[in-house]
């Protein structure tokens, strides 16, 4: 199976080399667990290796995202100017606008990577649970149709056993990566787990995560016990 490197130190080692090409990954986590940093790292490092990508923000302004990335030493602005990636803010007035933005940017950049952060926002614009579930299923189909390897993030309450707020995202996706914060002694530790990954003999353990000067890093040879 063809693999797409995540660009995140330590993570590919847990995934037999990376995400399956063309797959849709659900990235779940509570507030402050590093979902946006994870998604931007995936797009940025893909752009450096010849895979253009688009980061579609449904919440944060692109200027803020780019500014925050500078502390990691990432040249996101340079990559955007060169046309190798983009960070797009979408005011989601209706679901069709998101689908249009995906189509436009895939064509404009020939995007091979897509991140939508966070898909949880969809619930604010679709009134009924059935509409939300239907919308997420349609979104999943569209992302897979592009041929890009995509990530949709969703926010879950801290301490929740669920991996998705609407109960359908995990069935639409080919893989599920969860970021959490766990208490070790008197401090929180960020951890990553892989709940599923199509066609992959992946780790099933909790691994510590650090967000440091170079961005997000997974310690693949270490485990966290709770």
C-alpha atoms as a PDB file:
ATOM      1  CA  UNK A   1       0.000   0.000   0.000  1.00  0.00           C
ATOM      2  CA  UNK A   2       1.299   3.448  -0.916  1.00  0.00           C
ATOM      3  CA  UNK A   3       2.007   5.580   2.148  1.00  0.00           C
ATOM      4  CA  UNK A   4       1.928   9.324   2.771  1.00  0.00           C
ATOM      5  CA  UNK A   5       4.445  10.546   5.328  1.00  0.00           C
ATOM      6  CA  UNK A   6       2.807  12.580   8.073  1.00  0.00           C
ATOM      7  CA  UNK A   7       5.894  14.765   8.469  1.00  0.00           C
ATOM      8  CA  UNK A   8       5.471  14.472  12.244  1.00  0.00           C
ATOM      9  CA  UNK A   9       8.586  13.023  13.923  1.00  0.00           C
ATOM     10  CA  UNK A  10       7.865   9.619  15.442  1.00  0.00           C
ATOM     11  CA  UNK A  11       4.392   9.130  13.995  1.00  0.00           C
ATOM     12  CA  UNK A  12       5.256   7.337  10.748  1.00  0.00           C
ATOM     13  CA  UNK A  13       7.022   4.663  12.778  1.00  0.00           C
ATOM     14  CA  UNK A  14       3.680   3.778  14.385  1.00  0.00           C
ATOM     15  CA  UNK A  15       1.898   3.571  11.005  1.00  0.00           C
ATOM     16  CA  UNK A  16       4.122   1.379   8.824  1.00  0.00           C
ATOM     17  CA  UNK A  17       5.469   4.492   7.149  1.00  0.00           C
ATOM     18  CA  UNK A  18       2.518   6.912   7.159  1.00  0.00           C
ATOM     19  CA  UNK A  19      -1.160   7.298   6.303  1.00  0.00           C
ATOM     20  CA  UNK A  20      -2.548   5.115   3.503  1.00  0.00           C
ATOM     21  CA  UNK A  21      -2.591   7.245   0.356  1.00  0.00           C
ATOM     22  CA  UNK A  22      -6.026   8.676  -0.446  1.00  0.00           C
ATOM     23  CA  UNK A  23      -7.419   7.924   3.001  1.00  0.00           C
ATOM     24  CA  UNK A  24      -9.527  10.116   5.279  1.00  0.00           C
ATOM     25  CA  UNK A  25      -8.245  10.472   8.841  1.00  0.00           C
ATOM     26  CA  UNK A  26     -10.303  11.610  11.824  1.00  0.00           C
ATOM     27  CA  UNK A  27      -8.202  13.598  14.292  1.00  0.00           C
ATOM     28  CA  UNK A  28      -9.994  13.857  17.641  1.00  0.00           C
ATOM     29  CA  UNK A  29      -8.994  15.660  20.792  1.00  0.00           C
ATOM     30  CA  UNK A  30      -9.945  18.000  23.580  1.00  0.00           C
ATOM     31  CA  UNK A  31      -9.025  21.683  23.826  1.00  0.00           C
ATOM     32  CA  UNK A  32      -5.290  22.346  23.868  1.00  0.00           C
ATOM     33  CA  UNK A  33      -4.218  18.886  22.750  1.00  0.00           C
ATOM     34  CA  UNK A  34      -2.504  20.098  19.552  1.00  0.00           C
ATOM     35  CA  UNK A  35      -5.015  19.344  16.782  1.00  0.00           C
ATOM     36  CA  UNK A  36      -4.374  22.541  14.807  1.00  0.00           C
ATOM     37  CA  UNK A  37      -0.599  22.185  15.167  1.00  0.00           C
ATOM     38  CA  UNK A  38      -0.841  18.562  14.032  1.00  0.00           C
ATOM     39  CA  UNK A  39      -2.927  19.473  10.966  1.00  0.00           C
ATOM     40  CA  UNK A  40      -0.751  22.403   9.931  1.00  0.00           C
ATOM     41  CA  UNK A  41       2.411  20.342  10.378  1.00  0.00           C
ATOM     42  CA  UNK A  42       0.949  17.708   8.073  1.00  0.00           C
ATOM     43  CA  UNK A  43       0.170  20.289   5.368  1.00  0.00           C
ATOM     44  CA  UNK A  44       3.431  22.234   5.755  1.00  0.00           C
ATOM     45  CA  UNK A  45       5.778  19.257   5.652  1.00  0.00           C
ATOM     46  CA  UNK A  46       3.841  17.825   2.729  1.00  0.00           C
ATOM     47  CA  UNK A  47       4.418  21.068   0.811  1.00  0.00           C
ATOM     48  CA  UNK A  48       8.164  20.723   1.430  1.00  0.00           C
ATOM     49  CA  UNK A  49       8.184  17.214  -0.028  1.00  0.00           C
ATOM     50  CA  UNK A  50       6.304  18.041  -3.234  1.00  0.00           C
ATOM     51  CA  UNK A  51       2.735  17.392  -2.075  1.00  0.00           C
ATOM     52  CA  UNK A  52       0.700  20.639  -2.217  1.00  0.00           C
ATOM     53  CA  UNK A  53      -1.985  21.007   0.431  1.00  0.00           C
ATOM     54  CA  UNK A  54      -4.687  23.254   1.821  1.00  0.00           C
ATOM     55  CA  UNK A  55      -5.540  23.876   5.461  1.00  0.00           C
ATOM     56  CA  UNK A  56      -9.200  24.948   5.690  1.00  0.00           C
ATOM     57  CA  UNK A  57      -9.914  26.699   8.964  1.00  0.00           C
ATOM     58  CA  UNK A  58     -13.506  26.983  10.114  1.00  0.00           C
ATOM     59  CA  UNK A  59     -12.540  28.841  13.265  1.00  0.00           C
ATOM     60  CA  UNK A  60      -9.137  30.558  13.450  1.00  0.00           C
ATOM     61  CA  UNK A  61      -7.945  33.339  11.141  1.00  0.00           C
ATOM     62  CA  UNK A  62      -5.174  32.392   8.653  1.00  0.00           C
ATOM     63  CA  UNK A  63      -2.972  35.270   9.834  1.00  0.00           C
ATOM     64  CA  UNK A  64      -3.068  33.922  13.377  1.00  0.00           C
ATOM     65  CA  UNK A  65      -2.339  30.370  12.243  1.00  0.00           C
ATOM     66  CA  UNK A  66       0.639  31.511  10.165  1.00  0.00           C
ATOM     67  CA  UNK A  67       1.910  33.731  12.981  1.00  0.00           C
ATOM     68  CA  UNK A  68       1.681  30.876  15.503  1.00  0.00           C
ATOM     69  CA  UNK A  69       3.621  28.595  13.149  1.00  0.00           C
ATOM     70  CA  UNK A  70       6.597  30.965  13.132  1.00  0.00           C
ATOM     71  CA  UNK A  71       7.566  29.919  16.654  1.00  0.00           C
ATOM     72  CA  UNK A  72       8.310  26.451  15.259  1.00  0.00           C
ATOM     73  CA  UNK A  73      10.604  27.878  12.609  1.00  0.00           C
ATOM     74  CA  UNK A  74       8.218  26.885   9.828  1.00  0.00           C
ATOM     75  CA  UNK A  75       8.273  29.059   6.678  1.00  0.00           C
ATOM     76  CA  UNK A  76       4.536  28.757   6.101  1.00  0.00           C
ATOM     77  CA  UNK A  77       4.247  32.223   4.562  1.00  0.00           C
ATOM     78  CA  UNK A  78       6.972  31.389   2.035  1.00  0.00           C
ATOM     79  CA  UNK A  79       5.260  28.143   1.072  1.00  0.00           C
ATOM     80  CA  UNK A  80       1.940  29.961   0.608  1.00  0.00           C
ATOM     81  CA  UNK A  81       3.550  32.596  -1.637  1.00  0.00           C
ATOM     82  CA  UNK A  82       5.166  29.883  -3.741  1.00  0.00           C
ATOM     83  CA  UNK A  83       1.769  28.223  -4.300  1.00  0.00           C
ATOM     84  CA  UNK A  84       2.776  24.996  -2.599  1.00  0.00           C
ATOM     85  CA  UNK A  85       0.179  25.291   0.176  1.00  0.00           C
ATOM     86  CA  UNK A  86      -2.524  27.596   1.481  1.00  0.00           C
ATOM     87  CA  UNK A  87      -4.349  28.384   4.698  1.00  0.00           C
ATOM     88  CA  UNK A  88      -7.960  29.357   4.013  1.00  0.00           C
ATOM     89  CA  UNK A  89     -10.550  30.730   6.440  1.00  0.00           C
ATOM     90  CA  UNK A  90     -14.148  29.867   5.615  1.00  0.00           C
ATOM     91  CA  UNK A  91     -17.137  31.591   7.174  1.00  0.00           C
ATOM     92  CA  UNK A  92     -19.475  28.648   7.004  1.00  0.00           C
ATOM     93  CA  UNK A  93     -22.918  29.996   6.166  1.00  0.00           C
ATOM     94  CA  UNK A  94     -24.026  26.770   4.535  1.00  0.00           C
ATOM     95  CA  UNK A  95     -22.570  23.340   3.934  1.00  0.00           C
ATOM     96  CA  UNK A  96     -22.341  23.802   0.153  1.00  0.00           C
ATOM     97  CA  UNK A  97     -19.788  26.622   0.639  1.00  0.00           C
ATOM     98  CA  UNK A  98     -17.369  24.178   2.273  1.00  0.00           C
ATOM     99  CA  UNK A  99     -17.721  21.750  -0.615  1.00  0.00           C
ATOM    100  CA  UNK A 100     -17.046  24.568  -3.084  1.00  0.00           C
ATOM    101  CA  UNK A 101     -13.925  25.701  -1.222  1.00  0.00           C
ATOM    102  CA  UNK A 102     -12.586  22.136  -1.270  1.00  0.00           C
ATOM    103  CA  UNK A 103     -13.149  21.830  -5.023  1.00  0.00           C
ATOM    104  CA  UNK A 104     -11.643  25.244  -5.813  1.00  0.00           C
ATOM    105  CA  UNK A 105      -8.498  24.698  -3.786  1.00  0.00           C
ATOM    106  CA  UNK A 106      -7.892  21.150  -4.945  1.00  0.00           C
ATOM    107  CA  UNK A 107      -8.002  22.416  -8.548  1.00  0.00           C
ATOM    108  CA  UNK A 108      -5.996  25.591  -7.862  1.00  0.00           C
ATOM    109  CA  UNK A 109      -3.164  23.889  -5.974  1.00  0.00           C
ATOM    110  CA  UNK A 110      -3.520  20.356  -7.330  1.00  0.00           C
ATOM    111  CA  UNK A 111      -3.760  19.569  -3.629  1.00  0.00           C
ATOM    112  CA  UNK A 112      -2.675  16.131  -2.459  1.00  0.00           C
ATOM    113  CA  UNK A 113      -3.332  16.932   1.216  1.00  0.00           C
ATOM    114  CA  UNK A 114      -6.388  18.541   2.831  1.00  0.00           C
ATOM    115  CA  UNK A 115      -7.092  19.458   6.444  1.00  0.00           C
ATOM    116  CA  UNK A 116     -10.443  20.733   7.736  1.00  0.00           C
ATOM    117  CA  UNK A 117     -10.188  22.180  11.251  1.00  0.00           C
ATOM    118  CA  UNK A 118     -12.473  21.712  13.126  1.00  0.00           C
ATOM    119  CA  UNK A 119     -15.380  19.827  11.541  1.00  0.00           C
ATOM    120  CA  UNK A 120     -17.212  20.205  14.875  1.00  0.00           C
ATOM    121  CA  UNK A 121     -18.229  23.706  13.687  1.00  0.00           C
ATOM    122  CA  UNK A 122     -20.605  22.084  11.193  1.00  0.00           C
ATOM    123  CA  UNK A 123     -22.984  21.417  14.064  1.00  0.00           C
ATOM    124  CA  UNK A 124     -23.516  25.155  14.480  1.00  0.00           C
ATOM    125  CA  UNK A 125     -24.868  25.537  10.967  1.00  0.00           C
ATOM    126  CA  UNK A 126     -26.918  22.363  10.548  1.00  0.00           C
ATOM    127  CA  UNK A 127     -29.926  22.266  12.845  1.00  0.00           C
ATOM    128  CA  UNK A 128     -30.790  18.582  13.135  1.00  0.00           C
ATOM    129  CA  UNK A 129     -28.538  15.631  14.047  1.00  0.00           C
ATOM    130  CA  UNK A 130     -29.676  13.804  10.904  1.00  0.00           C
ATOM    131  CA  UNK A 131     -28.558  16.759   8.745  1.00  0.00           C
ATOM    132  CA  UNK A 132     -25.190  16.828  10.479  1.00  0.00           C
ATOM    133  CA  UNK A 133     -24.633  13.116   9.963  1.00  0.00           C
ATOM    134  CA  UNK A 134     -25.717  13.322   6.335  1.00  0.00           C
ATOM    135  CA  UNK A 135     -23.441  16.324   5.779  1.00  0.00           C
ATOM    136  CA  UNK A 136     -20.440  14.551   7.283  1.00  0.00           C
ATOM    137  CA  UNK A 137     -21.045  11.468   5.141  1.00  0.00           C
ATOM    138  CA  UNK A 138     -21.206  13.677   2.018  1.00  0.00           C
ATOM    139  CA  UNK A 139     -18.058  15.499   3.114  1.00  0.00           C
ATOM    140  CA  UNK A 140     -16.215  12.210   3.570  1.00  0.00           C
ATOM    141  CA  UNK A 141     -17.235  11.034   0.107  1.00  0.00           C
ATOM    142  CA  UNK A 142     -16.124  14.295  -1.480  1.00  0.00           C
ATOM    143  CA  UNK A 143     -12.729  14.245   0.231  1.00  0.00           C
ATOM    144  CA  UNK A 144     -12.057  10.690  -0.877  1.00  0.00           C
ATOM    145  CA  UNK A 145     -13.158  11.528  -4.418  1.00  0.00           C
ATOM    146  CA  UNK A 146     -10.409  14.159  -4.682  1.00  0.00           C
ATOM    147  CA  UNK A 147      -7.772  11.459  -4.246  1.00  0.00           C
ATOM    148  CA  UNK A 148      -6.060  13.587  -1.596  1.00  0.00           C
ATOM    149  CA  UNK A 149      -5.057  12.205   1.790  1.00  0.00           C
ATOM    150  CA  UNK A 150      -7.212  14.210   4.170  1.00  0.00           C
ATOM    151  CA  UNK A 151      -7.648  14.988   7.849  1.00  0.00           C
ATOM    152  CA  UNK A 152     -10.784  16.299   9.517  1.00  0.00           C
ATOM    153  CA  UNK A 153     -10.417  17.333  13.138  1.00  0.00           C
ATOM    154  CA  UNK A 154     -13.134  17.340  15.750  1.00  0.00           C
ATOM    155  CA  UNK A 155     -13.216  18.504  19.325  1.00  0.00           C
ATOM    156  CA  UNK A 156     -14.340  16.182  22.090  1.00  0.00           C
ATOM    157  CA  UNK A 157     -14.796  17.031  25.780  1.00  0.00           C
ATOM    158  CA  UNK A 158     -11.775  16.361  27.953  1.00  0.00           C
ATOM    159  CA  UNK A 159     -12.120  12.979  29.630  1.00  0.00           C
ATOM    160  CA  UNK A 160     -14.726  11.761  27.145  1.00  0.00           C
ATOM    161  CA  UNK A 161     -14.594   8.164  25.939  1.00  0.00           C
ATOM    162  CA  UNK A 162     -16.134   9.197  22.628  1.00  0.00           C
ATOM    163  CA  UNK A 163     -13.958  10.055  19.609  1.00  0.00           C
ATOM    164  CA  UNK A 164     -16.561  12.155  17.801  1.00  0.00           C
ATOM    165  CA  UNK A 165     -19.358  14.547  18.776  1.00  0.00           C
ATOM    166  CA  UNK A 166     -21.905  13.289  16.239  1.00  0.00           C
ATOM    167  CA  UNK A 167     -21.299   9.551  16.260  1.00  0.00           C
ATOM    168  CA  UNK A 168     -20.761   9.168  12.516  1.00  0.00           C
ATOM    169  CA  UNK A 169     -17.287  10.566  11.858  1.00  0.00           C
ATOM    170  CA  UNK A 170     -15.517   7.371  12.892  1.00  0.00           C
ATOM    171  CA  UNK A 171     -17.540   5.339  10.387  1.00  0.00           C
ATOM    172  CA  UNK A 172     -16.790   7.732   7.525  1.00  0.00           C
ATOM    173  CA  UNK A 173     -13.047   7.767   8.169  1.00  0.00           C
ATOM    174  CA  UNK A 174     -10.361   5.232   7.268  1.00  0.00           C
ATOM    175  CA  UNK A 175      -8.296   6.026  10.334  1.00  0.00           C
ATOM    176  CA  UNK A 176      -8.705   7.571  13.777  1.00  0.00           C
ATOM    177  CA  UNK A 177      -5.959   9.388  15.677  1.00  0.00           C
ATOM    178  CA  UNK A 178      -6.780  10.697  19.157  1.00  0.00           C
ATOM    179  CA  UNK A 179      -4.914  13.387  21.077  1.00  0.00           C
ATOM    180  CA  UNK A 180      -5.574  13.642  24.805  1.00  0.00           C
ATOM    181  CA  UNK A 181      -4.143  15.116  27.978  1.00  0.00           C
ATOM    182  CA  UNK A 182      -3.611  12.754  30.895  1.00  0.00           C
ATOM    183  CA  UNK A 183      -2.504  13.519  34.434  1.00  0.00           C
ATOM    184  CA  UNK A 184       0.879  12.125  35.435  1.00  0.00           C
ATOM    185  CA  UNK A 185       1.752  13.044  38.984  1.00  0.00           C
ATOM    186  CA  UNK A 186       0.934  16.727  39.318  1.00  0.00           C
ATOM    187  CA  UNK A 187       1.106  17.669  35.621  1.00  0.00           C
ATOM    188  CA  UNK A 188      -0.632  16.967  32.322  1.00  0.00           C
ATOM    189  CA  UNK A 189       1.048  14.990  29.554  1.00  0.00           C
ATOM    190  CA  UNK A 190      -0.143  15.066  25.955  1.00  0.00           C
ATOM    191  CA  UNK A 191      -0.607  11.586  24.519  1.00  0.00           C
ATOM    192  CA  UNK A 192      -1.503  10.133  21.118  1.00  0.00           C
ATOM    193  CA  UNK A 193      -3.288   6.900  20.303  1.00  0.00           C
ATOM    194  CA  UNK A 194      -4.270   5.315  16.994  1.00  0.00           C
ATOM    195  CA  UNK A 195      -7.662   3.645  17.261  1.00  0.00           C
ATOM    196  CA  UNK A 196      -7.821   2.412  13.695  1.00  0.00           C
ATOM    197  CA  UNK A 197      -5.978   2.724  10.396  1.00  0.00           C
ATOM    198  CA  UNK A 198      -7.118   0.883   7.299  1.00  0.00           C
ATOM    199  CA  UNK A 199      -4.641  -1.688   5.978  1.00  0.00           C
ATOM    200  CA  UNK A 200      -2.092  -0.867   8.668  1.00  0.00           C
ATOM    201  CA  UNK A 201      -0.532  -2.820  11.492  1.00  0.00           C
ATOM    202  CA  UNK A 202      -0.448   0.193  13.803  1.00  0.00           C
ATOM    203  CA  UNK A 203       0.460   0.772  17.432  1.00  0.00           C
ATOM    204  CA  UNK A 204      -2.402   0.371  19.891  1.00  0.00           C
ATOM    205  CA  UNK A 205      -0.584   1.999  22.818  1.00  0.00           C
ATOM    206  CA  UNK A 206      -0.553   5.488  24.305  1.00  0.00           C
ATOM    207  CA  UNK A 207       2.516   7.456  23.259  1.00  0.00           C
ATOM    208  CA  UNK A 208       3.652  10.787  24.745  1.00  0.00           C
ATOM    209  CA  UNK A 209       3.530  13.871  22.544  1.00  0.00           C
ATOM    210  CA  UNK A 210       5.522  17.063  22.877  1.00  0.00           C
ATOM    211  CA  UNK A 211       4.899  20.415  21.229  1.00  0.00           C
ATOM    212  CA  UNK A 212       8.290  22.100  21.295  1.00  0.00           C
ATOM    213  CA  UNK A 213      10.516  24.473  19.323  1.00  0.00           C
ATOM    214  CA  UNK A 214      10.299  22.337  16.167  1.00  0.00           C
ATOM    215  CA  UNK A 215       6.562  21.644  16.339  1.00  0.00           C
ATOM    216  CA  UNK A 216       4.768  18.471  17.321  1.00  0.00           C
ATOM    217  CA  UNK A 217       6.684  15.267  18.024  1.00  0.00           C
ATOM    218  CA  UNK A 218       5.538  11.758  18.962  1.00  0.00           C
ATOM    219  CA  UNK A 219       7.790   9.616  21.132  1.00  0.00           C
ATOM    220  CA  UNK A 220       7.189   6.321  19.389  1.00  0.00           C
ATOM    221  CA  UNK A 221       9.442   4.257  21.631  1.00  0.00           C
ATOM    222  CA  UNK A 222       7.857   5.503  24.857  1.00  0.00           C
ATOM    223  CA  UNK A 223       4.498   4.632  26.400  1.00  0.00           C
ATOM    224  CA  UNK A 224       2.176   6.228  28.919  1.00  0.00           C
ATOM    225  CA  UNK A 225       0.295   4.075  31.432  1.00  0.00           C
ATOM    226  CA  UNK A 226      -2.901   5.361  33.022  1.00  0.00           C
END
